[in-house]
């Protein structure tokens, strides 16, 4: 079973995913993952993890998003520099229920 977590045991619901590819290098891609209503205590968050039966992807580029001074969610950036990393990310996202 695939899960998305900031903290162990607290599963998060991914609100949106955006994929961007470099126009200069076709193997380089960046995923922006949005969490609209995080369940975890954000004061304790150091990383974001995507886990499944193959293993774990850990992301540390985490940003709080605000609009007009109001919290709107969390944005996590994950950079993939090889075709293998992209394929692994796609398999994990499909296990979470998202089609890539």
PDB file of N, CA and C in Angstrom:
ATOM      1  N   UNK A   1       0.845  -1.185   0.000  1.00  0.00           N
ATOM      2  CA  UNK A   1       0.000   0.000   0.000  1.00  0.00           C
ATOM      3  C   UNK A   1       0.885   1.242   0.000  1.00  0.00           C
ATOM      4  N   UNK A   2       0.595   2.169  -0.876  1.00  0.00           N
ATOM      5  CA  UNK A   2       1.361   3.410  -0.982  1.00  0.00           C
ATOM      6  C   UNK A   2       0.767   4.473  -0.062  1.00  0.00           C
ATOM      7  N   UNK A   3       1.649   5.244   0.578  1.00  0.00           N
ATOM      8  CA  UNK A   3       1.205   6.316   1.463  1.00  0.00           C
ATOM      9  C   UNK A   3       2.072   7.562   1.252  1.00  0.00           C
ATOM     10  N   UNK A   4       1.493   8.705   1.554  1.00  0.00           N
ATOM     11  CA  UNK A   4       2.188   9.992   1.539  1.00  0.00           C
ATOM     12  C   UNK A   4       2.146  10.519   2.966  1.00  0.00           C
ATOM     13  N   UNK A   5       3.342  10.823   3.535  1.00  0.00           N
ATOM     14  CA  UNK A   5       3.394  11.203   4.949  1.00  0.00           C
ATOM     15  C   UNK A   5       4.450  12.270   5.216  1.00  0.00           C
ATOM     16  N   UNK A   6       4.101  13.193   6.126  1.00  0.00           N
ATOM     17  CA  UNK A   6       5.089  14.082   6.723  1.00  0.00           C
ATOM     18  C   UNK A   6       5.666  13.406   7.966  1.00  0.00           C
ATOM     19  N   UNK A   7       4.777  12.791   8.755  1.00  0.00           N
ATOM     20  CA  UNK A   7       5.158  12.101   9.983  1.00  0.00           C
ATOM     21  C   UNK A   7       4.679  10.657   9.915  1.00  0.00           C
ATOM     22  N   UNK A   8       5.437   9.735  10.536  1.00  0.00           N
ATOM     23  CA  UNK A   8       5.055   8.327  10.551  1.00  0.00           C
ATOM     24  C   UNK A   8       3.649   8.145  11.121  1.00  0.00           C
ATOM     25  N   UNK A   9       2.827   7.388  10.411  1.00  0.00           N
ATOM     26  CA  UNK A   9       1.489   7.074  10.885  1.00  0.00           C
ATOM     27  C   UNK A   9       0.431   8.103  10.551  1.00  0.00           C
ATOM     28  N   UNK A  10       0.804   9.239   9.970  1.00  0.00           N
ATOM     29  CA  UNK A  10      -0.161  10.289   9.615  1.00  0.00           C
ATOM     30  C   UNK A  10      -0.188  10.405   8.091  1.00  0.00           C
ATOM     31  N   UNK A  11      -1.142   9.742   7.455  1.00  0.00           N
ATOM     32  CA  UNK A  11      -1.249   9.764   5.995  1.00  0.00           C
ATOM     33  C   UNK A  11      -1.873  11.066   5.526  1.00  0.00           C
ATOM     34  N   UNK A  12      -1.289  11.618   4.467  1.00  0.00           N
ATOM     35  CA  UNK A  12      -1.753  12.888   3.907  1.00  0.00           C
ATOM     36  C   UNK A  12      -2.475  12.657   2.584  1.00  0.00           C
ATOM     37  N   UNK A  13      -3.391  13.545   2.268  1.00  0.00           N
ATOM     38  CA  UNK A  13      -4.136  13.522   1.017  1.00  0.00           C
ATOM     39  C   UNK A  13      -3.495  14.529   0.060  1.00  0.00           C
ATOM     40  N   UNK A  14      -3.003  14.035  -1.081  1.00  0.00           N
ATOM     41  CA  UNK A  14      -2.403  14.920  -2.086  1.00  0.00           C
ATOM     42  C   UNK A  14      -3.533  15.616  -2.831  1.00  0.00           C
ATOM     43  N   UNK A  15      -3.484  16.945  -2.853  1.00  0.00           N
ATOM     44  CA  UNK A  15      -4.521  17.747  -3.493  1.00  0.00           C
ATOM     45  C   UNK A  15      -4.289  17.885  -4.991  1.00  0.00           C
ATOM     46  N   UNK A  16      -3.021  18.100  -5.386  1.00  0.00           N
ATOM     47  CA  UNK A  16      -2.699  18.350  -6.788  1.00  0.00           C
ATOM     48  C   UNK A  16      -1.237  17.996  -7.040  1.00  0.00           C
ATOM     49  N   UNK A  17      -0.937  17.610  -8.278  1.00  0.00           N
ATOM     50  CA  UNK A  17       0.432  17.340  -8.705  1.00  0.00           C
ATOM     51  C   UNK A  17       0.640  18.023 -10.046  1.00  0.00           C
ATOM     52  N   UNK A  18       1.742  18.743 -10.173  1.00  0.00           N
ATOM     53  CA  UNK A  18       2.114  19.361 -11.447  1.00  0.00           C
ATOM     54  C   UNK A  18       3.503  18.865 -11.814  1.00  0.00           C
ATOM     55  N   UNK A  19       3.666  18.475 -13.069  1.00  0.00           N
ATOM     56  CA  UNK A  19       4.940  17.974 -13.565  1.00  0.00           C
ATOM     57  C   UNK A  19       5.473  18.966 -14.594  1.00  0.00           C
ATOM     58  N   UNK A  20       6.741  19.323 -14.444  1.00  0.00           N
ATOM     59  CA  UNK A  20       7.396  20.215 -15.392  1.00  0.00           C
ATOM     60  C   UNK A  20       8.649  19.520 -15.913  1.00  0.00           C
ATOM     61  N   UNK A  21       8.899  19.638 -17.214  1.00  0.00           N
ATOM     62  CA  UNK A  21      10.088  19.045 -17.816  1.00  0.00           C
ATOM     63  C   UNK A  21      10.987  20.158 -18.337  1.00  0.00           C
ATOM     64  N   UNK A  22      12.282  19.935 -18.253  1.00  0.00           N
ATOM     65  CA  UNK A  22      13.255  20.895 -18.770  1.00  0.00           C
ATOM     66  C   UNK A  22      13.196  20.895 -20.292  1.00  0.00           C
ATOM     67  N   UNK A  23      13.215  22.065 -20.899  1.00  0.00           N
ATOM     68  CA  UNK A  23      13.204  22.106 -22.355  1.00  0.00           C
ATOM     69  C   UNK A  23      14.595  21.846 -22.937  1.00  0.00           C
ATOM     70  N   UNK A  24      15.615  21.845 -22.074  1.00  0.00           N
ATOM     71  CA  UNK A  24      16.985  21.605 -22.520  1.00  0.00           C
ATOM     72  C   UNK A  24      17.443  20.169 -22.295  1.00  0.00           C
ATOM     73  N   UNK A  25      16.846  19.465 -21.346  1.00  0.00           N
ATOM     74  CA  UNK A  25      17.243  18.099 -21.014  1.00  0.00           C
ATOM     75  C   UNK A  25      15.985  17.285 -20.760  1.00  0.00           C
ATOM     76  N   UNK A  26      15.639  16.382 -21.675  1.00  0.00           N
ATOM     77  CA  UNK A  26      14.367  15.659 -21.593  1.00  0.00           C
ATOM     78  C   UNK A  26      14.288  14.705 -20.404  1.00  0.00           C
ATOM     79  N   UNK A  27      15.424  14.330 -19.804  1.00  0.00           N
ATOM     80  CA  UNK A  27      15.374  13.423 -18.655  1.00  0.00           C
ATOM     81  C   UNK A  27      15.144  14.165 -17.346  1.00  0.00           C
ATOM     82  N   UNK A  28      15.306  15.460 -17.326  1.00  0.00           N
ATOM     83  CA  UNK A  28      15.170  16.242 -16.088  1.00  0.00           C
ATOM     84  C   UNK A  28      13.728  16.729 -15.922  1.00  0.00           C
ATOM     85  N   UNK A  29      13.104  16.304 -14.827  1.00  0.00           N
ATOM     86  CA  UNK A  29      11.716  16.689 -14.556  1.00  0.00           C
ATOM     87  C   UNK A  29      11.580  17.118 -13.105  1.00  0.00           C
ATOM     88  N   UNK A  30      10.585  17.938 -12.839  1.00  0.00           N
ATOM     89  CA  UNK A  30      10.311  18.404 -11.482  1.00  0.00           C
ATOM     90  C   UNK A  30       8.822  18.221 -11.198  1.00  0.00           C
ATOM     91  N   UNK A  31       8.520  17.651 -10.042  1.00  0.00           N
ATOM     92  CA  UNK A  31       7.129  17.472  -9.626  1.00  0.00           C
ATOM     93  C   UNK A  31       6.833  18.432  -8.481  1.00  0.00           C
ATOM     94  N   UNK A  32       5.717  19.137  -8.565  1.00  0.00           N
ATOM     95  CA  UNK A  32       5.219  19.970  -7.472  1.00  0.00           C
ATOM     96  C   UNK A  32       3.983  19.280  -6.911  1.00  0.00           C
ATOM     97  N   UNK A  33       4.089  18.891  -5.661  1.00  0.00           N
ATOM     98  CA  UNK A  33       3.013  18.171  -4.980  1.00  0.00           C
ATOM     99  C   UNK A  33       2.371  19.118  -3.978  1.00  0.00           C
ATOM    100  N   UNK A  34       1.052  19.245  -4.037  1.00  0.00           N
ATOM    101  CA  UNK A  34       0.330  20.143  -3.148  1.00  0.00           C
ATOM    102  C   UNK A  34      -0.488  19.350  -2.135  1.00  0.00           C
ATOM    103  N   UNK A  35      -0.428  19.785  -0.887  1.00  0.00           N
ATOM    104  CA  UNK A  35      -1.248  19.236   0.195  1.00  0.00           C
ATOM    105  C   UNK A  35      -2.075  20.411   0.713  1.00  0.00           C
ATOM    106  N   UNK A  36      -3.390  20.385   0.482  1.00  0.00           N
ATOM    107  CA  UNK A  36      -4.244  21.501   0.865  1.00  0.00           C
ATOM    108  C   UNK A  36      -4.523  21.587   2.355  1.00  0.00           C
ATOM    109  N   UNK A  37      -4.820  20.480   2.976  1.00  0.00           N
ATOM    110  CA  UNK A  37      -5.157  20.436   4.400  1.00  0.00           C
ATOM    111  C   UNK A  37      -4.276  19.402   5.094  1.00  0.00           C
ATOM    112  N   UNK A  38      -3.033  19.745   5.423  1.00  0.00           N
ATOM    113  CA  UNK A  38      -2.163  18.753   6.072  1.00  0.00           C
ATOM    114  C   UNK A  38      -2.701  18.341   7.439  1.00  0.00           C
ATOM    115  N   UNK A  39      -2.569  17.060   7.756  1.00  0.00           N
ATOM    116  CA  UNK A  39      -3.029  16.520   9.032  1.00  0.00           C
ATOM    117  C   UNK A  39      -1.929  16.541  10.079  1.00  0.00           C
ATOM    118  N   UNK A  40      -0.678  16.549   9.645  1.00  0.00           N
ATOM    119  CA  UNK A  40       0.460  16.494  10.560  1.00  0.00           C
ATOM    120  C   UNK A  40       0.688  17.846  11.242  1.00  0.00           C
ATOM    121  N   UNK A  41       1.286  17.792  12.430  1.00  0.00           N
ATOM    122  CA  UNK A  41       1.716  19.001  13.134  1.00  0.00           C
ATOM    123  C   UNK A  41       2.895  19.578  12.358  1.00  0.00           C
ATOM    124  N   UNK A  42       2.691  20.689  11.659  1.00  0.00           N
ATOM    125  CA  UNK A  42       3.707  21.245  10.765  1.00  0.00           C
ATOM    126  C   UNK A  42       4.941  21.749  11.509  1.00  0.00           C
ATOM    127  N   UNK A  43       4.854  21.955  12.818  1.00  0.00           N
ATOM    128  CA  UNK A  43       6.020  22.371  13.600  1.00  0.00           C
ATOM    129  C   UNK A  43       7.026  21.234  13.745  1.00  0.00           C
ATOM    130  N   UNK A  44       6.605  19.995  13.487  1.00  0.00           N
ATOM    131  CA  UNK A  44       7.477  18.838  13.640  1.00  0.00           C
ATOM    132  C   UNK A  44       7.952  18.281  12.301  1.00  0.00           C
ATOM    133  N   UNK A  45       7.556  18.894  11.195  1.00  0.00           N
ATOM    134  CA  UNK A  45       7.853  18.367   9.864  1.00  0.00           C
ATOM    135  C   UNK A  45       9.268  18.736   9.426  1.00  0.00           C
ATOM    136  N   UNK A  46      10.036  17.713   9.010  1.00  0.00           N
ATOM    137  CA  UNK A  46      11.376  17.920   8.453  1.00  0.00           C
ATOM    138  C   UNK A  46      11.474  17.420   7.016  1.00  0.00           C
ATOM    139  N   UNK A  47      10.595  16.489   6.654  1.00  0.00           N
ATOM    140  CA  UNK A  47      10.625  15.947   5.302  1.00  0.00           C
ATOM    141  C   UNK A  47       9.249  15.389   4.943  1.00  0.00           C
ATOM    142  N   UNK A  48       9.091  15.103   3.665  1.00  0.00           N
ATOM    143  CA  UNK A  48       7.874  14.489   3.141  1.00  0.00           C
ATOM    144  C   UNK A  48       8.282  13.170   2.505  1.00  0.00           C
ATOM    145  N   UNK A  49       7.534  12.109   2.782  1.00  0.00           N
ATOM    146  CA  UNK A  49       7.889  10.790   2.281  1.00  0.00           C
ATOM    147  C   UNK A  49       6.730  10.164   1.516  1.00  0.00           C
ATOM    148  N   UNK A  50       7.081   9.559   0.398  1.00  0.00           N
ATOM    149  CA  UNK A  50       6.162   8.724  -0.364  1.00  0.00           C
ATOM    150  C   UNK A  50       6.686   7.305  -0.232  1.00  0.00           C
ATOM    151  N   UNK A  51       5.844   6.391   0.269  1.00  0.00           N
ATOM    152  CA  UNK A  51       6.272   5.016   0.515  1.00  0.00           C
ATOM    153  C   UNK A  51       5.356   4.030  -0.199  1.00  0.00           C
ATOM    154  N   UNK A  52       5.974   2.953  -0.665  1.00  0.00           N
ATOM    155  CA  UNK A  52       5.230   1.822  -1.204  1.00  0.00           C
ATOM    156  C   UNK A  52       6.066   0.572  -1.004  1.00  0.00           C
ATOM    157  N   UNK A  53       5.644  -0.543  -1.628  1.00  0.00           N
ATOM    158  CA  UNK A  53       6.358  -1.803  -1.414  1.00  0.00           C
ATOM    159  C   UNK A  53       7.764  -1.796  -2.008  1.00  0.00           C
ATOM    160  N   UNK A  54       8.066  -0.881  -2.934  1.00  0.00           N
ATOM    161  CA  UNK A  54       9.410  -0.782  -3.509  1.00  0.00           C
ATOM    162  C   UNK A  54      10.375  -0.010  -2.613  1.00  0.00           C
ATOM    163  N   UNK A  55       9.858   0.819  -1.737  1.00  0.00           N
ATOM    164  CA  UNK A  55      10.722   1.625  -0.880  1.00  0.00           C
ATOM    165  C   UNK A  55      10.139   2.996  -0.601  1.00  0.00           C
ATOM    166  N   UNK A  56      11.017   3.977  -0.491  1.00  0.00           N
ATOM    167  CA  UNK A  56      10.611   5.313  -0.047  1.00  0.00           C
ATOM    168  C   UNK A  56      11.314   6.396  -0.870  1.00  0.00           C
ATOM    169  N   UNK A  57      10.567   7.450  -1.195  1.00  0.00           N
ATOM    170  CA  UNK A  57      11.134   8.659  -1.779  1.00  0.00           C
ATOM    171  C   UNK A  57      10.998   9.755  -0.720  1.00  0.00           C
ATOM    172  N   UNK A  58      12.112  10.412  -0.398  1.00  0.00           N
ATOM    173  CA  UNK A  58      12.101  11.462   0.622  1.00  0.00           C
ATOM    174  C   UNK A  58      12.348  12.810  -0.035  1.00  0.00           C
ATOM    175  N   UNK A  59      11.543  13.796   0.344  1.00  0.00           N
ATOM    176  CA  UNK A  59      11.655  15.153  -0.188  1.00  0.00           C
ATOM    177  C   UNK A  59      11.830  16.137   0.956  1.00  0.00           C
ATOM    178  N   UNK A  60      12.759  17.058   0.788  1.00  0.00           N
ATOM    179  CA  UNK A  60      13.027  18.042   1.837  1.00  0.00           C
ATOM    180  C   UNK A  60      12.712  19.479   1.410  1.00  0.00           C
ATOM    181  N   UNK A  61      12.386  19.673   0.133  1.00  0.00           N
ATOM    182  CA  UNK A  61      12.053  21.013  -0.361  1.00  0.00           C
ATOM    183  C   UNK A  61      10.553  21.232  -0.134  1.00  0.00           C
ATOM    184  N   UNK A  62      10.212  21.742   1.055  1.00  0.00           N
ATOM    185  CA  UNK A  62       8.821  21.912   1.492  1.00  0.00           C
ATOM    186  C   UNK A  62       8.568  23.392   1.753  1.00  0.00           C
ATOM    187  N   UNK A  63       7.500  23.924   1.165  1.00  0.00           N
ATOM    188  CA  UNK A  63       7.163  25.339   1.339  1.00  0.00           C
ATOM    189  C   UNK A  63       5.711  25.525   1.748  1.00  0.00           C
ATOM    190  N   UNK A  64       5.510  26.437   2.650  1.00  0.00           N
ATOM    191  CA  UNK A  64       4.160  26.813   3.067  1.00  0.00           C
ATOM    192  C   UNK A  64       3.621  27.827   2.056  1.00  0.00           C
ATOM    193  N   UNK A  65       2.390  27.647   1.615  1.00  0.00           N
ATOM    194  CA  UNK A  65       1.777  28.549   0.645  1.00  0.00           C
ATOM    195  C   UNK A  65       0.708  29.396   1.331  1.00  0.00           C
ATOM    196  N   UNK A  66       0.714  30.696   1.022  1.00  0.00           N
ATOM    197  CA  UNK A  66      -0.246  31.638   1.598  1.00  0.00           C
ATOM    198  C   UNK A  66      -0.815  32.515   0.494  1.00  0.00           C
ATOM    199  N   UNK A  67      -2.053  32.940   0.670  1.00  0.00           N
ATOM    200  CA  UNK A  67      -2.706  33.864  -0.243  1.00  0.00           C
ATOM    201  C   UNK A  67      -3.392  34.927   0.604  1.00  0.00           C
ATOM    202  N   UNK A  68      -3.008  36.164   0.412  1.00  0.00           N
ATOM    203  CA  UNK A  68      -3.530  37.285   1.201  1.00  0.00           C
ATOM    204  C   UNK A  68      -3.355  37.048   2.695  1.00  0.00           C
ATOM    205  N   UNK A  69      -2.219  36.472   3.071  1.00  0.00           N
ATOM    206  CA  UNK A  69      -1.907  36.241   4.474  1.00  0.00           C
ATOM    207  C   UNK A  69      -2.562  35.022   5.092  1.00  0.00           C
ATOM    208  N   UNK A  70      -3.338  34.275   4.318  1.00  0.00           N
ATOM    209  CA  UNK A  70      -4.011  33.086   4.839  1.00  0.00           C
ATOM    210  C   UNK A  70      -3.346  31.824   4.295  1.00  0.00           C
ATOM    211  N   UNK A  71      -3.163  30.860   5.177  1.00  0.00           N
ATOM    212  CA  UNK A  71      -2.561  29.585   4.814  1.00  0.00           C
ATOM    213  C   UNK A  71      -3.433  28.861   3.802  1.00  0.00           C
ATOM    214  N   UNK A  72      -2.835  28.426   2.680  1.00  0.00           N
ATOM    215  CA  UNK A  72      -3.592  27.699   1.664  1.00  0.00           C
ATOM    216  C   UNK A  72      -3.099  26.271   1.465  1.00  0.00           C
ATOM    217  N   UNK A  73      -1.955  25.927   2.046  1.00  0.00           N
ATOM    218  CA  UNK A  73      -1.464  24.556   1.915  1.00  0.00           C
ATOM    219  C   UNK A  73       0.048  24.474   1.895  1.00  0.00           C
ATOM    220  N   UNK A  74       0.525  23.293   1.540  1.00  0.00           N
ATOM    221  CA  UNK A  74       1.941  22.988   1.497  1.00  0.00           C
ATOM    222  C   UNK A  74       2.307  22.578   0.078  1.00  0.00           C
ATOM    223  N   UNK A  75       3.454  23.053  -0.393  1.00  0.00           N
ATOM    224  CA  UNK A  75       3.974  22.676  -1.706  1.00  0.00           C
ATOM    225  C   UNK A  75       5.294  21.941  -1.507  1.00  0.00           C
ATOM    226  N   UNK A  76       5.423  20.773  -2.100  1.00  0.00           N
ATOM    227  CA  UNK A  76       6.637  19.974  -2.008  1.00  0.00           C
ATOM    228  C   UNK A  76       7.203  19.832  -3.407  1.00  0.00           C
ATOM    229  N   UNK A  77       8.497  20.096  -3.548  1.00  0.00           N
ATOM    230  CA  UNK A  77       9.158  19.979  -4.843  1.00  0.00           C
ATOM    231  C   UNK A  77      10.050  18.746  -4.851  1.00  0.00           C
ATOM    232  N   UNK A  78       9.990  17.971  -5.948  1.00  0.00           N
ATOM    233  CA  UNK A  78      10.814  16.778  -6.095  1.00  0.00           C
ATOM    234  C   UNK A  78      11.423  16.790  -7.488  1.00  0.00           C
ATOM    235  N   UNK A  79      12.751  16.844  -7.553  1.00  0.00           N
ATOM    236  CA  UNK A  79      13.457  16.886  -8.830  1.00  0.00           C
ATOM    237  C   UNK A  79      13.960  15.499  -9.208  1.00  0.00           C
ATOM    238  N   UNK A  80      13.718  15.133 -10.464  1.00  0.00           N
ATOM    239  CA  UNK A  80      14.163  13.849 -10.998  1.00  0.00           C
ATOM    240  C   UNK A  80      15.113  14.116 -12.154  1.00  0.00           C
ATOM    241  N   UNK A  81      16.310  13.562 -12.090  1.00  0.00           N
ATOM    242  CA  UNK A  81      17.331  13.850 -13.097  1.00  0.00           C
ATOM    243  C   UNK A  81      17.636  12.674 -14.015  1.00  0.00           C
ATOM    244  N   UNK A  82      17.017  11.524 -13.775  1.00  0.00           N
ATOM    245  CA  UNK A  82      17.219  10.361 -14.645  1.00  0.00           C
ATOM    246  C   UNK A  82      15.868   9.785 -15.054  1.00  0.00           C
ATOM    247  N   UNK A  83      15.888   9.040 -16.130  1.00  0.00           N
ATOM    248  CA  UNK A  83      14.660   8.394 -16.597  1.00  0.00           C
ATOM    249  C   UNK A  83      14.181   7.357 -15.574  1.00  0.00           C
ATOM    250  N   UNK A  84      15.110   6.674 -14.910  1.00  0.00           N
ATOM    251  CA  UNK A  84      14.760   5.697 -13.885  1.00  0.00           C
ATOM    252  C   UNK A  84      14.052   6.330 -12.703  1.00  0.00           C
ATOM    253  N   UNK A  85      14.512   7.515 -12.292  1.00  0.00           N
ATOM    254  CA  UNK A  85      13.864   8.227 -11.187  1.00  0.00           C
ATOM    255  C   UNK A  85      12.449   8.641 -11.582  1.00  0.00           C
ATOM    256  N   UNK A  86      12.260   9.073 -12.821  1.00  0.00           N
ATOM    257  CA  UNK A  86      10.939   9.459 -13.317  1.00  0.00           C
ATOM    258  C   UNK A  86       9.996   8.249 -13.331  1.00  0.00           C
ATOM    259  N   UNK A  87      10.480   7.107 -13.834  1.00  0.00           N
ATOM    260  CA  UNK A  87       9.659   5.903 -13.883  1.00  0.00           C
ATOM    261  C   UNK A  87       9.268   5.438 -12.482  1.00  0.00           C
ATOM    262  N   UNK A  88      10.201   5.517 -11.542  1.00  0.00           N
ATOM    263  CA  UNK A  88       9.914   5.148 -10.141  1.00  0.00           C
ATOM    264  C   UNK A  88       8.836   6.053  -9.562  1.00  0.00           C
ATOM    265  N   UNK A  89       8.949   7.359  -9.795  1.00  0.00           N
ATOM    266  CA  UNK A  89       7.957   8.323  -9.311  1.00  0.00           C
ATOM    267  C   UNK A  89       6.584   8.003  -9.909  1.00  0.00           C
ATOM    268  N   UNK A  90       6.535   7.697 -11.204  1.00  0.00           N
ATOM    269  CA  UNK A  90       5.254   7.381 -11.858  1.00  0.00           C
ATOM    270  C   UNK A  90       4.615   6.132 -11.263  1.00  0.00           C
ATOM    271  N   UNK A  91       5.415   5.095 -11.008  1.00  0.00           N
ATOM    272  CA  UNK A  91       4.866   3.876 -10.400  1.00  0.00           C
ATOM    273  C   UNK A  91       4.281   4.172  -9.021  1.00  0.00           C
ATOM    274  N   UNK A  92       4.981   4.965  -8.237  1.00  0.00           N
ATOM    275  CA  UNK A  92       4.504   5.279  -6.897  1.00  0.00           C
ATOM    276  C   UNK A  92       3.213   6.107  -6.964  1.00  0.00           C
ATOM    277  N   UNK A  93       3.158   7.078  -7.854  1.00  0.00           N
ATOM    278  CA  UNK A  93       1.953   7.905  -7.999  1.00  0.00           C
ATOM    279  C   UNK A  93       0.761   7.061  -8.452  1.00  0.00           C
ATOM    280  N   UNK A  94       0.994   6.096  -9.350  1.00  0.00           N
ATOM    281  CA  UNK A  94      -0.087   5.228  -9.781  1.00  0.00           C
ATOM    282  C   UNK A  94      -0.599   4.371  -8.629  1.00  0.00           C
ATOM    283  N   UNK A  95       0.300   3.937  -7.756  1.00  0.00           N
ATOM    284  CA  UNK A  95      -0.121   3.169  -6.581  1.00  0.00           C
ATOM    285  C   UNK A  95      -0.919   4.037  -5.606  1.00  0.00           C
ATOM    286  N   UNK A  96      -0.673   5.333  -5.623  1.00  0.00           N
ATOM    287  CA  UNK A  96      -1.448   6.254  -4.798  1.00  0.00           C
ATOM    288  C   UNK A  96      -2.789   6.622  -5.439  1.00  0.00           C
ATOM    289  N   UNK A  97      -2.975   6.221  -6.710  1.00  0.00           N
ATOM    290  CA  UNK A  97      -4.241   6.475  -7.383  1.00  0.00           C
ATOM    291  C   UNK A  97      -4.212   7.625  -8.377  1.00  0.00           C
ATOM    292  N   UNK A  98      -3.027   8.076  -8.766  1.00  0.00           N
ATOM    293  CA  UNK A  98      -2.890   9.163  -9.733  1.00  0.00           C
ATOM    294  C   UNK A  98      -2.298   8.602 -11.007  1.00  0.00           C
ATOM    295  N   UNK A  99      -2.803   9.025 -12.162  1.00  0.00           N
ATOM    296  CA  UNK A  99      -2.236   8.555 -13.428  1.00  0.00           C
ATOM    297  C   UNK A  99      -1.266   9.615 -13.963  1.00  0.00           C
ATOM    298  N   UNK A 100      -0.156   9.139 -14.416  1.00  0.00           N
ATOM    299  CA  UNK A 100       0.898  10.030 -14.931  1.00  0.00           C
ATOM    300  C   UNK A 100       0.988   9.896 -16.426  1.00  0.00           C
TER     301      UNK A 100
END
